[in-house]
């Protein structure tokens, strides 16, 4: 059957972005406007233009982040510059790190990504509600992909903004596992929460809006089971995802630049030491590049690696 995107209430517009920038969810309420997630910093000018176009001359009043990975909050600073009175609410777990601006604790330096400093004005507390587009949305903790992440759920229309906890075909890399925490169980618990909420429509952090929750959950649980059975498989997947993400930003780069970035990015040293220490760092990095090429995610032309 052809894929049919579920209809959304008229006050909601989903700006589907891709993988470098997370989707942006724009709300036009009678009294206030709001945006959930702001994309990656290299797309920030486009994000501001898209949001400005969708606002039809109104200001942006409220900005929420489902979590603070760079592809979800990298446009915060640009949006705050465009609308100086914009109120920004973030999940509470990294409040102190944002106030002190710690790019290591916030994951940007370890992953080799960028995120311009932004301010946070309030905490988006699990167990609370926030008004978006004239509707009361529940805030739920959603640990796993990021242990500080939240979901937003509107029970009347059974709408879910899932961030990276659930996509139509999976979920985001389980970063706490890469740091040595036992986080696969948290991914499963968050999937169970989503099943209990039983949304009719899911607005994911990446990919199209979808409505077949049972199939999406089944795919996510199969994926989770595979990672639980083989954590090295998850680590290899994570390493390739981070490299592909950087390639999306660069679009093309000399192999020497790619190798230098891999060598300078702390996450790769961490992954190599924990999971792939049976081979040299240089050999492992060459394998990652080749696996991206073999999988069709990159293209090599001489000594240049291209996004594909």
Protein backbone atom coordinates (compact mmCIF):
# COMPACT_ATOMS: atom_id res chain seq x y z
CA UNK A 1 0.00 0.00 0.00
CA UNK A 2 1.26 3.53 -0.69
CA UNK A 3 2.45 5.58 2.28
CA UNK A 4 -0.21 8.03 3.43
CA UNK A 5 0.83 10.89 5.71
CA UNK A 6 -1.78 11.42 8.45
CA UNK A 7 -3.53 14.79 8.50
CA UNK A 8 -2.52 17.21 11.25
CA UNK A 9 -4.60 19.91 12.96
CA UNK A 10 -4.46 23.19 11.04
CA UNK A 11 -2.42 24.97 13.70
CA UNK A 12 0.53 22.54 13.24
CA UNK A 13 3.05 22.63 10.41
CA UNK A 14 5.86 20.07 10.26
CA UNK A 15 8.98 21.32 8.50
CA UNK A 16 10.50 18.00 7.44
CA UNK A 17 14.23 18.61 7.17
CA UNK A 18 16.25 15.43 6.65
CA UNK A 19 19.10 14.05 8.76
CA UNK A 20 21.51 16.94 9.25
CA UNK A 21 18.70 18.98 10.80
CA UNK A 22 15.89 17.46 12.82
CA UNK A 23 12.30 18.23 11.85
CA UNK A 24 10.85 21.49 13.14
CA UNK A 25 7.26 21.55 14.40
CA UNK A 26 5.61 24.96 14.12
CA UNK A 27 2.46 25.90 16.08
CA UNK A 28 0.24 28.86 15.24
CA UNK A 29 -2.04 29.33 18.22
CA UNK A 30 -4.59 32.07 18.56
CA UNK A 31 -2.58 33.76 21.30
CA UNK A 32 0.97 32.49 20.80
CA UNK A 33 3.29 30.73 18.37
CA UNK A 34 5.79 28.01 19.17
CA UNK A 35 8.46 25.82 17.58
CA UNK A 36 9.72 22.41 18.68
CA UNK A 37 13.38 21.78 17.78
CA UNK A 38 15.55 24.01 15.62
CA UNK A 39 17.87 21.89 13.45
CA UNK A 40 21.64 22.00 12.99
CA UNK A 41 23.65 25.21 13.04
CA UNK A 42 24.86 25.02 9.44
CA UNK A 43 21.20 25.10 8.35
CA UNK A 44 20.28 27.89 10.79
CA UNK A 45 19.67 30.60 8.16
CA UNK A 46 17.34 28.24 6.30
CA UNK A 47 15.57 27.35 9.56
CA UNK A 48 14.96 31.02 10.36
CA UNK A 49 13.65 31.63 6.82
CA UNK A 50 11.32 28.62 6.93
CA UNK A 51 9.95 29.57 10.34
CA UNK A 52 9.57 33.22 9.35
CA UNK A 53 7.62 32.19 6.25
CA UNK A 54 5.35 29.93 8.30
CA UNK A 55 4.62 32.61 10.89
CA UNK A 56 2.98 34.93 8.31
CA UNK A 57 4.27 38.08 9.98
CA UNK A 58 3.78 36.97 13.58
CA UNK A 59 6.70 36.73 16.04
CA UNK A 60 7.96 33.42 17.37
CA UNK A 61 7.03 33.33 21.05
CA UNK A 62 8.22 29.95 22.37
CA UNK A 63 10.98 27.49 21.45
CA UNK A 64 11.11 23.96 22.92
CA UNK A 65 13.79 21.29 22.52
CA UNK A 66 13.00 17.59 22.87
CA UNK A 67 16.69 17.11 23.72
CA UNK A 68 19.95 18.95 23.27
CA UNK A 69 21.74 17.05 20.52
CA UNK A 70 23.15 19.49 17.99
CA UNK A 71 20.71 18.55 15.21
CA UNK A 72 17.78 19.51 17.46
CA UNK A 73 19.03 22.73 19.05
CA UNK A 74 21.74 24.03 16.70
CA UNK A 75 19.38 26.71 15.39
CA UNK A 76 18.42 28.01 18.82
CA UNK A 77 20.91 30.88 18.82
CA UNK A 78 19.85 32.10 15.36
CA UNK A 79 16.17 32.00 16.30
CA UNK A 80 16.89 33.89 19.52
CA UNK A 81 18.81 36.51 17.54
CA UNK A 82 15.90 36.90 15.10
CA UNK A 83 13.25 37.10 17.85
CA UNK A 84 14.99 38.51 20.95
CA UNK A 85 11.92 38.03 23.18
CA UNK A 86 11.71 34.34 22.30
CA UNK A 87 11.33 32.14 25.40
CA UNK A 88 13.34 28.90 25.24
CA UNK A 89 12.47 25.82 27.29
CA UNK A 90 14.78 22.79 27.52
CA UNK A 91 14.61 19.42 29.31
CA UNK A 92 15.89 19.83 32.87
CA UNK A 93 18.74 17.30 32.88
CA UNK A 94 21.32 19.58 31.25
CA UNK A 95 20.10 22.91 32.58
CA UNK A 96 23.33 23.63 34.45
CA UNK A 97 25.50 22.70 31.46
CA UNK A 98 23.60 25.14 29.25
CA UNK A 99 23.79 27.92 31.82
CA UNK A 100 27.57 27.39 32.17
CA UNK A 101 27.88 26.43 28.48
CA UNK A 102 29.91 23.23 28.69
CA UNK A 103 30.31 21.87 25.11
CA UNK A 104 31.98 18.73 26.44
CA UNK A 105 29.16 17.77 28.80
CA UNK A 106 26.62 18.78 26.14
CA UNK A 107 28.25 16.27 23.71
CA UNK A 108 29.21 18.76 21.00
CA UNK A 109 32.99 18.59 21.44
CA UNK A 110 33.14 14.78 21.92
CA UNK A 111 31.12 14.13 18.76
CA UNK A 112 32.99 16.65 16.62
CA UNK A 113 29.87 18.73 16.06
CA UNK A 114 29.07 22.41 16.52
CA UNK A 115 26.35 24.26 18.38
CA UNK A 116 26.43 28.04 18.94
CA UNK A 117 25.76 29.06 22.53
CA UNK A 118 22.13 29.76 23.29
CA UNK A 119 20.24 30.75 26.40
CA UNK A 120 17.62 28.67 28.20
CA UNK A 121 14.83 30.43 30.05
CA UNK A 122 12.88 27.58 31.66
CA UNK A 123 12.88 23.83 32.22
CA UNK A 124 10.55 21.56 30.25
CA UNK A 125 9.64 19.33 33.18
CA UNK A 126 8.34 15.75 32.74
CA UNK A 127 4.94 15.46 34.37
CA UNK A 128 3.98 19.00 33.40
CA UNK A 129 1.93 20.38 30.52
CA UNK A 130 2.74 23.05 27.97
CA UNK A 131 0.25 24.89 25.77
CA UNK A 132 1.07 24.64 22.07
CA UNK A 133 -1.34 25.85 19.42
CA UNK A 134 -4.14 26.19 21.96
CA UNK A 135 -3.84 22.58 23.15
CA UNK A 136 -2.39 21.17 26.36
CA UNK A 137 0.56 18.87 25.60
CA UNK A 138 1.91 16.47 28.21
CA UNK A 139 5.66 16.33 28.81
CA UNK A 140 7.04 12.80 29.34
CA UNK A 141 10.59 11.70 30.12
CA UNK A 142 12.02 9.63 27.23
CA UNK A 143 15.44 8.27 28.21
CA UNK A 144 17.46 5.97 25.95
CA UNK A 145 18.77 7.74 22.85
CA UNK A 146 19.49 10.64 25.20
CA UNK A 147 18.81 10.17 28.89
CA UNK A 148 17.59 13.77 29.25
CA UNK A 149 15.13 13.67 26.33
CA UNK A 150 11.39 14.30 26.54
CA UNK A 151 8.32 13.41 24.47
CA UNK A 152 5.34 15.70 23.92
CA UNK A 153 1.87 14.13 23.77
CA UNK A 154 -1.52 15.73 23.11
CA UNK A 155 -4.14 13.24 24.43
CA UNK A 156 -7.25 14.75 22.85
CA UNK A 157 -6.04 14.23 19.29
CA UNK A 158 -3.51 11.54 20.34
CA UNK A 159 -0.61 13.33 18.70
CA UNK A 160 2.98 12.50 19.69
CA UNK A 161 6.17 14.47 19.07
CA UNK A 162 8.68 11.68 19.57
CA UNK A 163 12.05 13.33 18.93
CA UNK A 164 14.57 10.53 18.34
CA UNK A 165 12.89 8.01 20.66
CA UNK A 166 10.86 6.56 17.78
CA UNK A 167 11.01 7.02 14.03
CA UNK A 168 8.96 5.16 11.46
CA UNK A 169 11.97 2.90 10.88
CA UNK A 170 13.84 2.79 14.16
CA UNK A 171 15.27 5.26 16.67
CA UNK A 172 18.42 7.25 17.31
CA UNK A 173 21.82 5.91 18.36
CA UNK A 174 21.77 4.97 22.05
CA UNK A 175 24.52 7.35 23.10
CA UNK A 176 24.54 6.50 26.84
CA UNK A 177 25.52 2.93 25.91
CA UNK A 178 28.60 4.28 24.16
CA UNK A 179 29.53 6.08 27.40
CA UNK A 180 29.37 2.83 29.35
CA UNK A 181 25.84 3.13 30.75
CA UNK A 182 23.28 0.32 30.43
CA UNK A 183 20.75 2.26 28.36
CA UNK A 184 19.16 -0.31 26.03
CA UNK A 185 16.64 -1.01 28.80
CA UNK A 186 15.70 2.68 28.85
CA UNK A 187 15.06 2.57 25.10
CA UNK A 188 12.70 -0.37 25.66
CA UNK A 189 10.94 1.39 28.53
CA UNK A 190 10.40 4.49 26.38
CA UNK A 191 8.97 2.34 23.58
CA UNK A 192 6.63 0.80 26.17
CA UNK A 193 5.57 4.30 27.27
CA UNK A 194 4.78 5.25 23.68
CA UNK A 195 2.72 2.07 23.31
CA UNK A 196 0.75 2.97 26.44
CA UNK A 197 0.13 6.51 25.17
CA UNK A 198 -1.16 4.92 21.95
CA UNK A 199 -0.82 7.91 19.62
CA UNK A 200 -2.74 7.93 16.37
CA UNK A 201 -0.16 10.18 14.74
CA UNK A 202 3.58 10.44 15.40
CA UNK A 203 5.72 13.44 14.44
CA UNK A 204 9.28 12.05 14.57
CA UNK A 205 12.53 13.92 14.89
CA UNK A 206 13.56 12.68 11.43
CA UNK A 207 11.48 11.36 8.58
CA UNK A 208 7.82 11.73 7.68
CA UNK A 209 4.84 11.96 9.98
CA UNK A 210 3.33 8.48 10.34
CA UNK A 211 0.33 6.72 11.80
CA UNK A 212 1.05 2.99 11.91
CA UNK A 213 2.30 2.81 15.48
CA UNK A 214 2.26 -1.01 15.89
CA UNK A 215 4.47 -1.54 12.84
CA UNK A 216 6.88 1.21 13.90
CA UNK A 217 7.14 -0.22 17.41
CA UNK A 218 7.70 -3.72 16.04
CA UNK A 219 10.54 -2.49 13.83
CA UNK A 220 12.08 -0.51 16.70
CA UNK A 221 11.94 -3.49 19.05
CA UNK A 222 13.54 -5.79 16.49
CA UNK A 223 16.32 -3.26 16.05
CA UNK A 224 16.74 -2.91 19.80
CA UNK A 225 16.87 -6.68 20.21
CA UNK A 226 19.65 -6.89 17.64
CA UNK A 227 21.68 -4.24 19.45
CA UNK A 228 21.13 -5.87 22.84
CA UNK A 229 22.32 -9.19 21.44
CA UNK A 230 25.39 -7.60 19.83
CA UNK A 231 26.52 -4.30 21.43
CA UNK A 232 29.50 -4.19 19.06
CA UNK A 233 27.04 -3.99 16.17
CA UNK A 234 25.49 -0.93 17.83
CA UNK A 235 28.92 0.64 18.38
CA UNK A 236 29.85 0.12 14.72
CA UNK A 237 26.50 1.59 13.66
CA UNK A 238 27.08 4.61 15.90
CA UNK A 239 30.56 5.20 14.51
CA UNK A 240 29.25 5.17 10.95
CA UNK A 241 26.28 7.41 11.83
CA UNK A 242 28.56 10.07 13.33
CA UNK A 243 30.85 9.98 10.28
CA UNK A 244 27.92 10.10 7.87
CA UNK A 245 26.50 13.04 9.80
CA UNK A 246 29.75 14.97 9.42
CA UNK A 247 29.83 14.09 5.74
CA UNK A 248 26.31 15.50 5.38
CA UNK A 249 27.70 18.77 6.74
CA UNK A 250 30.84 18.75 4.56
CA UNK A 251 29.24 17.15 1.47
CA UNK A 252 32.78 16.30 0.36
CA UNK A 253 36.18 16.30 1.98
CA UNK A 254 39.71 15.06 1.23
CA UNK A 255 40.40 11.71 2.87
CA UNK A 256 43.19 13.33 4.86
CA UNK A 257 40.66 15.74 6.37
CA UNK A 258 38.26 12.91 7.19
CA UNK A 259 41.01 10.90 8.85
CA UNK A 260 42.21 13.94 10.80
CA UNK A 261 38.68 14.61 12.03
CA UNK A 262 38.25 10.99 13.11
CA UNK A 263 41.57 11.10 14.97
CA UNK A 264 40.68 14.37 16.71
CA UNK A 265 37.11 13.44 17.71
CA UNK A 266 37.02 11.98 21.25
CA UNK A 267 34.08 9.67 20.60
CA UNK A 268 36.13 7.67 18.10
CA UNK A 269 38.96 7.12 20.56
CA UNK A 270 36.36 6.04 23.11
CA UNK A 271 34.66 3.63 20.71
CA UNK A 272 37.95 2.24 19.47
CA UNK A 273 39.23 1.59 22.97
CA UNK A 274 36.01 0.02 24.21
CA UNK A 275 34.95 -2.08 21.23
CA UNK A 276 37.62 -2.26 18.51
CA UNK A 277 40.97 -2.33 20.29
CA UNK A 278 41.89 -5.58 18.50
CA UNK A 279 43.03 -3.49 15.53
CA UNK A 280 44.90 -0.21 15.20
CA UNK A 281 42.98 3.06 15.22
CA UNK A 282 44.10 3.76 11.67
CA UNK A 283 42.94 0.37 10.44
CA UNK A 284 39.58 0.75 12.15
CA UNK A 285 39.01 4.23 10.71
CA UNK A 286 39.84 2.97 7.22
CA UNK A 287 37.29 0.19 7.72
CA UNK A 288 34.59 2.72 8.72
CA UNK A 289 35.19 4.81 5.62
CA UNK A 290 35.10 1.73 3.41
CA UNK A 291 31.89 0.48 5.05
CA UNK A 292 30.20 3.81 4.30
CA UNK A 293 31.29 3.49 0.67
CA UNK A 294 30.25 -0.17 0.42
CA UNK A 295 26.85 0.65 1.94
CA UNK A 296 26.19 3.47 -0.53
CA UNK A 297 26.28 6.22 2.11
CA UNK A 298 29.47 7.73 0.66
CA UNK A 299 31.36 7.77 -2.62
CA UNK A 300 35.12 7.85 -3.00
CA UNK A 301 36.73 9.56 -5.94
CA UNK A 302 40.50 9.31 -5.69
CA UNK A 303 41.50 10.89 -2.41
CA UNK A 304 38.15 12.67 -1.86
CA UNK A 305 35.15 11.30 0.03
CA UNK A 306 31.73 12.52 -1.16
CA UNK A 307 28.34 12.32 0.51
CA UNK A 308 26.01 9.94 -1.34
